[in-house]
Amino acid sequence: MAGTPQYIRNLNENLIMDALITQGTMSRADISRQTGLSKPTVSLAVEHLIDRNLVREMGRADNAQGRKATLIRFNETAYYVCGIDIGATRIRIALSDLNGEIIAYRTHPMVVQEAHEPAEATMLELLRSHMNELLDENHLNWNQIQCIGFGIPGVVLPDSGRIHRIVDPLAGLEEAFSLESLSGAFPCEVILENDVNLAALGEYRSGAAAGYPLFVFFSIGTGTGAGIMVHGQLLRGLGGLTGEIAEMLVDDGRRLEEVLSADGLMQLAKDYLDQHDELVLEAAHSGEDDLHRHLTPEKLFEAARSGEVEAVEILQQYSQKIASALRQISVVLAPDLIVLGGGVGGNGDVLLPLLRQIISEQFPVQPQLICSKLGEQAVVTGAVQVAIQQTMLNLQQEAME
């Protein structure tokens, strides 16, 4: 087909689409100047794109002289995509247009039952139900959804799309969340990716890491993981295992995830409090008298913000453990930037001053350290981005057929 008039016409249409997405609203004359295509070629291609609903006319330009030119823009609402973050405790869903503008965002509790065949089917039905509700609320139907990007807290095997090493609360649901199962449950294209990789992509595209050539997204929450981006590309490695820092071993032989996860932080706090029975840690604004029984990561950070000495000391010890992992990452990769995120890592107002002091005093390689800009929406933002990329690729290929 290469070299035929239809092939060349489709190349021209894709060139015009790229120009409109990059530049925004343009006249046909603007498109001609931008792309180097002749005005008749532009006019013919634009009419075909209008027929495909991918571009639309937006009225007249405010010319100083002569006939007012008709303005053309990319139709970002021709189709929609979704990003879904399947977390250990929450399901987060974002609906986006083709410009990446999130127009609806919902969160739902993760309900995990015993892992068996009916439970897998129930989980898929639950995800589908959440999506149906979101579409109904926004007066959309499945024909308008081109792609869904899923983020999962586990390793996604590149060749098969199967799940490996999923976070403990979701253990047993690997089959339900495999690419094959998700593709069968939804009437559109599905992309499956590790959640921390997607968070890294989200921060690179529209968050704290925009423009950094080499950075690491370090997520600490129910699990622990890292997403590594080099010149805008995710580093995946053998079997997709790059960034599985949960498997790093600390001095006492434990896995890093056992030490740094939310459960690891709570165990550290319990051990500290057991050794300081005469000191009672009071929860900020909670009225609790005994945090031995009621302590949570949220209460611990709130107590530290209130200046509770014991809480600060616990988090100082915890920061030393985080810093140990950051040091190993830094001396191997020498990243320009490390972004902290996740339910625990996102408490940057408390953790960053402690970690920055350790980095300045002890690290031979000293990357910049900041907190996630996107917060809990980092994963769904990255999921939306991969869904848009795939949709635009499909639209271009569709034109070439």
Protein backbone atom coordinates (compact mmCIF):
# COMPACT_ATOMS: atom_id res chain seq x y z
CA MET A 1 0.00 0.00 0.00
CA ALA A 2 3.00 2.30 0.56
CA GLY A 3 3.15 5.09 -2.00
CA THR A 4 -0.48 4.79 -3.09
CA PRO A 5 -2.69 7.92 -3.06
CA GLN A 6 -4.74 6.55 -0.14
CA TYR A 7 -1.62 5.83 1.90
CA ILE A 8 -0.27 9.33 1.28
CA ARG A 9 -3.64 10.87 2.14
CA ASN A 10 -3.70 9.02 5.44
CA LEU A 11 -0.17 10.15 6.25
CA ASN A 12 -1.28 13.71 5.59
CA GLU A 13 -4.27 13.31 7.91
CA ASN A 14 -2.06 12.01 10.70
CA LEU A 15 0.34 14.91 10.15
CA ILE A 16 -2.54 17.38 10.44
CA MET A 17 -3.84 15.65 13.58
CA ASP A 18 -0.40 15.93 15.20
CA ALA A 19 -0.24 19.62 14.35
CA LEU A 20 -3.69 20.33 15.81
CA ILE A 21 -2.97 18.39 19.00
CA THR A 22 0.31 20.24 19.44
CA GLN A 23 -0.72 23.75 18.39
CA GLY A 24 -4.43 23.84 19.28
CA THR A 25 -6.89 25.78 17.15
CA MET A 26 -5.61 26.59 13.65
CA SER A 27 -6.93 27.76 10.32
CA ARG A 28 -6.43 25.70 7.18
CA ALA A 29 -3.78 28.21 6.10
CA ASP A 30 -2.04 27.81 9.47
CA ILE A 31 -2.07 24.04 9.03
CA SER A 32 -0.60 24.39 5.54
CA ARG A 33 2.25 26.56 6.83
CA GLN A 34 2.86 24.31 9.84
CA THR A 35 2.91 21.01 7.94
CA GLY A 36 4.25 22.11 4.55
CA LEU A 37 1.24 20.58 2.82
CA SER A 38 -0.51 22.44 0.02
CA LYS A 39 -3.77 24.23 0.81
CA PRO A 40 -5.88 21.93 -1.42
CA THR A 41 -4.31 18.89 0.26
CA VAL A 42 -5.05 20.33 3.69
CA SER A 43 -8.66 21.14 2.77
CA LEU A 44 -9.29 17.62 1.47
CA ALA A 45 -7.70 15.98 4.50
CA VAL A 46 -9.56 18.24 6.96
CA GLU A 47 -12.91 17.38 5.37
CA HIS A 48 -12.17 13.69 5.77
CA LEU A 49 -11.15 14.22 9.40
CA ILE A 50 -14.39 16.12 10.01
CA ASP A 51 -16.30 13.16 8.54
CA ARG A 52 -14.48 10.89 11.03
CA ASN A 53 -15.44 13.32 13.84
CA LEU A 54 -11.77 13.71 14.79
CA VAL A 55 -11.62 17.45 14.08
CA ARG A 56 -14.28 20.14 14.08
CA GLU A 57 -14.77 23.68 12.89
CA MET A 58 -14.84 26.30 15.62
CA GLY A 59 -16.05 29.48 13.90
CA ARG A 60 -14.12 32.31 12.29
CA ALA A 61 -10.72 33.73 13.14
CA ASP A 62 -10.37 37.39 14.05
CA ASN A 63 -8.42 38.39 10.93
CA ALA A 64 -7.24 41.96 10.64
CA GLN A 65 -7.98 42.01 6.90
CA GLY A 66 -9.71 39.93 4.25
CA ARG A 67 -12.08 37.04 4.58
CA LYS A 68 -12.29 35.54 8.06
CA ALA A 69 -10.65 32.09 8.14
CA THR A 70 -12.51 29.13 9.61
CA LEU A 71 -10.72 27.70 12.63
CA ILE A 72 -10.14 23.97 13.04
CA ARG A 73 -9.36 22.06 16.23
CA PHE A 74 -8.85 18.49 17.33
CA ASN A 75 -12.08 17.01 18.69
CA GLU A 76 -10.96 15.78 22.09
CA THR A 77 -14.47 14.48 22.85
CA ALA A 78 -14.71 12.25 19.78
CA TYR A 79 -13.95 9.38 22.14
CA TYR A 80 -13.06 8.87 25.79
CA VAL A 81 -10.70 6.67 27.79
CA CYS A 82 -10.54 5.51 31.39
CA GLY A 83 -7.83 4.82 33.92
CA ILE A 84 -8.48 2.38 36.78
CA ASP A 85 -6.21 2.00 39.80
CA ILE A 86 -6.84 -1.37 41.47
CA GLY A 87 -5.39 -0.78 44.92
CA ALA A 88 -5.14 -2.91 48.03
CA THR A 89 -7.81 -0.86 49.82
CA ARG A 90 -9.33 1.34 47.09
CA ILE A 91 -10.43 1.28 43.47
CA ARG A 92 -9.92 4.62 41.75
CA ILE A 93 -11.45 5.38 38.36
CA ALA A 94 -10.82 8.38 36.09
CA LEU A 95 -12.74 9.25 32.91
CA SER A 96 -10.80 11.39 30.44
CA ASP A 97 -11.16 12.98 27.03
CA LEU A 98 -8.48 12.50 24.37
CA ASN A 99 -6.54 15.54 25.59
CA GLY A 100 -5.98 13.87 28.94
CA GLU A 101 -8.44 16.13 30.76
CA ILE A 102 -9.96 14.11 33.61
CA ILE A 103 -13.66 14.92 33.55
CA ALA A 104 -14.80 12.51 36.27
CA TYR A 105 -13.03 10.78 39.15
CA ARG A 106 -14.50 8.24 41.57
CA THR A 107 -13.16 6.09 44.40
CA HIS A 108 -14.66 2.87 45.75
CA PRO A 109 -13.60 0.57 48.58
CA MET A 110 -11.80 -2.60 47.60
CA VAL A 111 -13.82 -5.56 48.83
CA VAL A 112 -11.67 -8.71 48.89
CA GLN A 113 -13.34 -12.07 49.45
CA GLU A 114 -11.80 -15.50 49.68
CA ALA A 115 -10.02 -16.23 46.41
CA HIS A 116 -11.99 -18.80 44.41
CA GLU A 117 -13.73 -18.90 41.06
CA PRO A 118 -16.94 -17.06 42.11
CA ALA A 119 -14.89 -14.38 43.89
CA GLU A 120 -12.95 -13.70 40.68
CA ALA A 121 -16.18 -13.34 38.72
CA THR A 122 -17.63 -11.11 41.44
CA MET A 123 -14.59 -8.82 41.31
CA LEU A 124 -14.91 -8.40 37.54
CA GLU A 125 -18.64 -7.74 37.89
CA LEU A 126 -17.89 -5.13 40.55
CA LEU A 127 -15.41 -3.33 38.27
CA ARG A 128 -17.85 -3.43 35.38
CA SER A 129 -20.63 -2.10 37.64
CA HIS A 130 -18.46 0.83 38.75
CA MET A 131 -17.71 1.66 35.12
CA ASN A 132 -21.38 1.45 34.11
CA GLU A 133 -22.30 3.87 36.89
CA LEU A 134 -19.61 6.30 35.81
CA LEU A 135 -20.73 6.23 32.18
CA ASP A 136 -24.38 6.70 33.16
CA GLU A 137 -23.51 9.67 35.35
CA ASN A 138 -21.69 11.31 32.42
CA HIS A 139 -24.30 10.38 29.78
CA LEU A 140 -21.88 8.20 27.83
CA ASN A 141 -22.09 4.69 26.40
CA TRP A 142 -19.51 1.98 25.81
CA ASN A 143 -19.24 2.82 22.11
CA GLN A 144 -17.58 6.10 23.13
CA ILE A 145 -14.92 4.40 25.30
CA GLN A 146 -11.90 3.38 23.24
CA CYS A 147 -9.53 2.03 25.88
CA ILE A 148 -9.14 1.41 29.62
CA GLY A 149 -5.74 1.46 31.31
CA PHE A 150 -5.52 -0.64 34.48
CA GLY A 151 -2.88 -0.26 37.18
CA ILE A 152 -2.29 -3.29 39.41
CA PRO A 153 -0.05 -3.62 42.52
CA GLY A 154 1.93 -6.52 41.15
CA VAL A 155 4.30 -7.54 38.38
CA VAL A 156 2.63 -7.75 34.96
CA LEU A 157 4.42 -10.36 32.85
CA PRO A 158 5.09 -8.62 29.50
CA ASP A 159 4.46 -11.58 27.19
CA SER A 160 1.31 -13.07 28.74
CA GLY A 161 -0.28 -10.19 30.65
CA ARG A 162 -0.54 -12.42 33.70
CA ILE A 163 0.00 -11.15 37.24
CA HIS A 164 2.93 -12.17 39.42
CA ARG A 165 3.82 -11.07 42.97
CA ILE A 166 0.62 -9.19 43.68
CA VAL A 167 0.38 -7.26 46.96
CA ASP A 168 -0.77 -9.48 49.85
CA PRO A 169 -4.33 -8.15 50.38
CA LEU A 170 -5.14 -9.11 46.77
CA ALA A 171 -3.38 -12.48 46.80
CA GLY A 172 -5.50 -15.08 45.05
CA LEU A 173 -7.04 -12.63 42.59
CA GLU A 174 -4.20 -12.78 40.07
CA GLU A 175 -6.36 -14.54 37.50
CA ALA A 176 -9.23 -12.06 37.87
CA PHE A 177 -6.88 -9.17 37.17
CA SER A 178 -4.96 -10.77 34.30
CA LEU A 179 -5.06 -9.05 30.93
CA GLU A 180 -7.12 -11.91 29.49
CA SER A 181 -9.78 -11.68 32.21
CA LEU A 182 -10.05 -7.89 32.09
CA SER A 183 -10.21 -7.91 28.29
CA GLY A 184 -13.06 -10.39 28.45
CA ALA A 185 -14.97 -8.29 30.97
CA PHE A 186 -14.91 -4.96 29.09
CA PRO A 187 -16.13 -4.17 25.53
CA CYS A 188 -13.11 -2.05 24.62
CA GLU A 189 -9.35 -2.38 24.44
CA VAL A 190 -7.62 -2.99 27.78
CA ILE A 191 -4.04 -2.21 28.82
CA LEU A 192 -2.59 -3.67 32.04
CA GLU A 193 0.46 -2.21 33.77
CA ASN A 194 2.15 -2.17 37.16
CA ASP A 195 0.63 0.62 39.26
CA VAL A 196 3.91 2.24 40.31
CA ASN A 197 5.08 2.34 36.69
CA LEU A 198 1.88 4.19 35.82
CA ALA A 199 2.37 6.58 38.73
CA ALA A 200 5.86 7.36 37.42
CA LEU A 201 4.41 8.01 33.97
CA GLY A 202 1.71 10.24 35.42
CA GLU A 203 4.25 12.31 37.36
CA TYR A 204 6.41 12.63 34.25
CA ARG A 205 3.58 13.76 31.99
CA SER A 206 1.70 16.11 34.28
CA GLY A 207 3.17 15.99 37.77
CA ALA A 208 6.30 16.58 39.80
CA ALA A 209 8.78 14.96 37.39
CA ALA A 210 7.90 16.77 34.17
CA GLY A 211 11.00 17.12 32.00
CA TYR A 212 13.43 15.14 34.18
CA PRO A 213 15.62 12.83 32.05
CA LEU A 214 16.12 10.20 34.77
CA PHE A 215 13.92 9.89 37.82
CA VAL A 216 12.52 7.31 40.23
CA PHE A 217 9.00 7.21 41.64
CA PHE A 218 9.27 5.54 45.04
CA SER A 219 5.88 4.36 46.35
CA ILE A 220 5.40 3.41 50.01
CA GLY A 221 2.00 2.25 51.22
CA THR A 222 0.40 -1.15 51.63
CA GLY A 223 3.25 -2.33 49.41
CA THR A 224 6.54 -0.85 48.25
CA GLY A 225 7.79 -0.35 44.71
CA ALA A 226 9.62 1.92 42.31
CA GLY A 227 8.98 3.12 38.79
CA ILE A 228 12.03 4.24 36.83
CA MET A 229 11.86 6.50 33.77
CA VAL A 230 14.74 7.27 31.43
CA HIS A 231 14.18 10.02 28.83
CA GLY A 232 10.43 9.57 29.03
CA GLN A 233 10.47 5.78 28.74
CA LEU A 234 9.70 3.29 31.51
CA LEU A 235 12.56 0.96 32.37
CA ARG A 236 11.13 -2.57 32.55
CA GLY A 237 14.00 -5.06 32.62
CA LEU A 238 13.92 -8.85 32.69
CA GLY A 239 10.34 -10.10 33.07
CA GLY A 240 9.11 -6.59 33.88
CA LEU A 241 10.85 -6.79 37.26
CA THR A 242 12.70 -3.47 37.20
CA GLY A 243 11.71 -1.46 40.27
CA GLU A 244 10.62 -4.41 42.41
CA ILE A 245 12.52 -2.98 45.35
CA ALA A 246 10.16 -4.80 47.72
CA GLU A 247 12.47 -7.79 47.19
CA MET A 248 15.57 -5.97 48.42
CA LEU A 249 16.90 -7.41 51.69
CA VAL A 250 17.79 -5.30 54.71
CA ASP A 251 20.47 -6.08 57.29
CA ASP A 252 18.34 -8.52 59.31
CA GLY A 253 17.39 -10.49 56.18
CA ARG A 254 13.84 -9.18 55.91
CA ARG A 255 12.36 -8.00 52.62
CA LEU A 256 12.29 -4.23 52.24
CA GLU A 257 8.50 -4.27 51.90
CA GLU A 258 8.16 -5.87 55.34
CA VAL A 259 10.13 -2.97 56.79
CA LEU A 260 8.78 0.04 54.85
CA SER A 261 5.15 -0.85 54.18
CA ALA A 262 2.35 0.57 56.33
CA ASP A 263 2.43 -2.67 58.36
CA GLY A 264 6.19 -2.32 58.73
CA LEU A 265 5.81 1.22 60.03
CA MET A 266 3.16 0.08 62.53
CA GLN A 267 5.43 -2.73 63.74
CA LEU A 268 8.26 -0.25 64.21
CA ALA A 269 5.93 2.01 66.21
CA LYS A 270 4.70 -0.88 68.33
CA ASP A 271 8.24 -2.00 69.12
CA TYR A 272 9.17 1.55 70.07
CA LEU A 273 6.12 2.00 72.31
CA ASP A 274 6.66 -1.37 73.96
CA GLN A 275 10.15 -0.18 74.90
CA HIS A 276 8.80 3.12 76.24
CA ASP A 277 5.81 1.98 78.29
CA GLU A 278 6.07 4.96 80.55
CA LEU A 279 5.57 7.29 77.57
CA VAL A 280 2.05 7.45 76.15
CA LEU A 281 1.80 8.80 72.62
CA GLU A 282 -1.28 10.99 72.27
CA ALA A 283 -3.04 11.17 68.92
CA ALA A 284 -3.41 14.67 67.55
CA HIS A 285 -7.03 15.87 67.61
CA SER A 286 -8.33 12.36 68.36
CA GLY A 287 -8.82 12.20 72.10
CA GLU A 288 -7.31 8.70 72.19
CA ASP A 289 -5.36 7.88 75.34
CA ASP A 290 -3.82 4.58 74.26
CA LEU A 291 -2.31 4.40 70.79
CA HIS A 292 -0.87 0.99 71.53
CA ARG A 293 -4.31 -0.25 70.59
CA HIS A 294 -5.48 2.40 68.15
CA LEU A 295 -2.37 3.60 66.34
CA THR A 296 -2.57 4.00 62.54
CA PRO A 297 -0.11 5.57 60.09
CA GLU A 298 -2.46 8.56 59.77
CA LYS A 299 -2.53 9.13 63.54
CA LEU A 300 1.21 8.71 63.78
CA PHE A 301 1.86 11.40 61.17
CA GLU A 302 -0.71 13.69 62.75
CA ALA A 303 0.98 13.26 66.13
CA ALA A 304 4.34 14.14 64.54
CA ARG A 305 2.82 17.25 62.98
CA SER A 306 1.62 18.25 66.45
CA GLY A 307 5.15 17.94 67.78
CA GLU A 308 4.63 14.74 69.82
CA VAL A 309 8.20 13.72 70.67
CA GLU A 310 7.61 9.96 70.50
CA ALA A 311 5.95 10.20 67.09
CA VAL A 312 8.82 12.27 65.75
CA GLU A 313 11.36 9.77 67.08
CA ILE A 314 9.51 6.84 65.49
CA LEU A 315 9.42 8.60 62.13
CA GLN A 316 13.09 9.54 62.44
CA GLN A 317 13.91 5.84 62.80
CA TYR A 318 11.58 5.03 59.92
CA SER A 319 13.22 7.70 57.74
CA GLN A 320 16.60 6.08 58.32
CA LYS A 321 15.18 2.87 56.86
CA ILE A 322 13.75 4.71 53.85
CA ALA A 323 17.06 6.49 53.39
CA SER A 324 18.92 3.17 53.34
CA ALA A 325 16.84 2.07 50.34
CA LEU A 326 17.17 5.47 48.64
CA ARG A 327 20.94 5.32 49.03
CA GLN A 328 21.17 1.98 47.22
CA ILE A 329 18.95 3.28 44.42
CA SER A 330 20.97 6.48 44.17
CA VAL A 331 24.40 4.91 43.93
CA VAL A 332 23.22 2.46 41.25
CA LEU A 333 21.10 4.79 39.09
CA ALA A 334 22.25 8.30 40.08
CA PRO A 335 18.80 9.72 39.24
CA ASP A 336 18.23 13.43 38.87
CA LEU A 337 15.10 13.17 40.99
CA ILE A 338 13.29 10.83 43.38
CA VAL A 339 9.56 11.35 43.86
CA LEU A 340 7.97 9.93 47.01
CA GLY A 341 4.38 8.74 46.77
CA GLY A 342 1.88 6.23 48.12
CA GLY A 343 -0.29 6.30 51.23
CA VAL A 344 2.73 6.52 53.55
CA GLY A 345 5.31 8.09 51.25
CA GLY A 346 2.91 10.89 50.37
CA ASN A 347 3.37 12.47 53.81
CA GLY A 348 6.11 14.66 52.44
CA ASP A 349 5.69 17.50 54.92
CA VAL A 350 6.93 15.15 57.65
CA LEU A 351 9.27 12.81 55.77
CA LEU A 352 11.04 15.13 53.33
CA PRO A 353 12.88 17.31 55.92
CA LEU A 354 14.11 14.18 57.72
CA LEU A 355 15.20 12.46 54.51
CA ARG A 356 16.82 15.53 52.97
CA GLN A 357 19.02 15.96 56.02
CA ILE A 358 20.15 12.34 55.80
CA ILE A 359 20.80 12.68 52.06
CA SER A 360 22.88 15.84 52.50
CA GLU A 361 24.97 14.27 55.27
CA GLN A 362 25.38 10.67 54.13
CA PHE A 363 24.74 10.18 50.40
CA PRO A 364 27.65 10.10 47.91
CA VAL A 365 25.06 10.75 45.16
CA GLN A 366 22.46 13.34 46.14
CA PRO A 367 19.38 13.45 43.90
CA GLN A 368 16.65 15.98 44.39
CA LEU A 369 13.90 14.56 46.61
CA ILE A 370 10.30 15.78 46.36
CA CYS A 371 6.79 14.47 47.01
CA SER A 372 4.21 13.39 44.45
CA LYS A 373 2.25 16.27 42.92
CA LEU A 374 -0.61 14.03 41.79
CA GLY A 375 -1.10 12.24 45.11
CA GLU A 376 -3.71 9.48 45.03
CA GLN A 377 -4.46 10.24 41.37
CA ALA A 378 -0.93 9.45 40.16
CA VAL A 379 -1.76 5.89 39.04
CA VAL A 380 -5.02 6.74 37.26
CA THR A 381 -3.32 9.69 35.55
CA GLY A 382 -0.67 7.36 34.15
CA ALA A 383 -3.34 4.82 33.21
CA VAL A 384 -5.23 7.50 31.29
CA GLN A 385 -2.03 8.45 29.45
CA VAL A 386 -1.32 4.91 28.23
CA ALA A 387 -4.96 4.54 27.19
CA ILE A 388 -4.77 7.77 25.16
CA GLN A 389 -1.51 6.70 23.53
CA GLN A 390 -3.06 3.41 22.46
CA THR A 391 -6.24 5.11 21.24
CA MET A 392 -4.35 7.61 19.11
CA LEU A 393 -2.21 4.81 17.66
CA ASN A 394 -5.36 2.87 16.82
CA LEU A 395 -6.95 5.87 15.14
CA GLN A 396 -3.85 6.40 13.03
CA GLN A 397 -3.71 2.75 12.05
CA GLU A 398 -7.43 2.77 11.31
CA ALA A 399 -6.86 5.56 8.84
CA MET A 400 -4.13 3.52 7.12
CA GLU A 401 -6.37 0.50 6.55
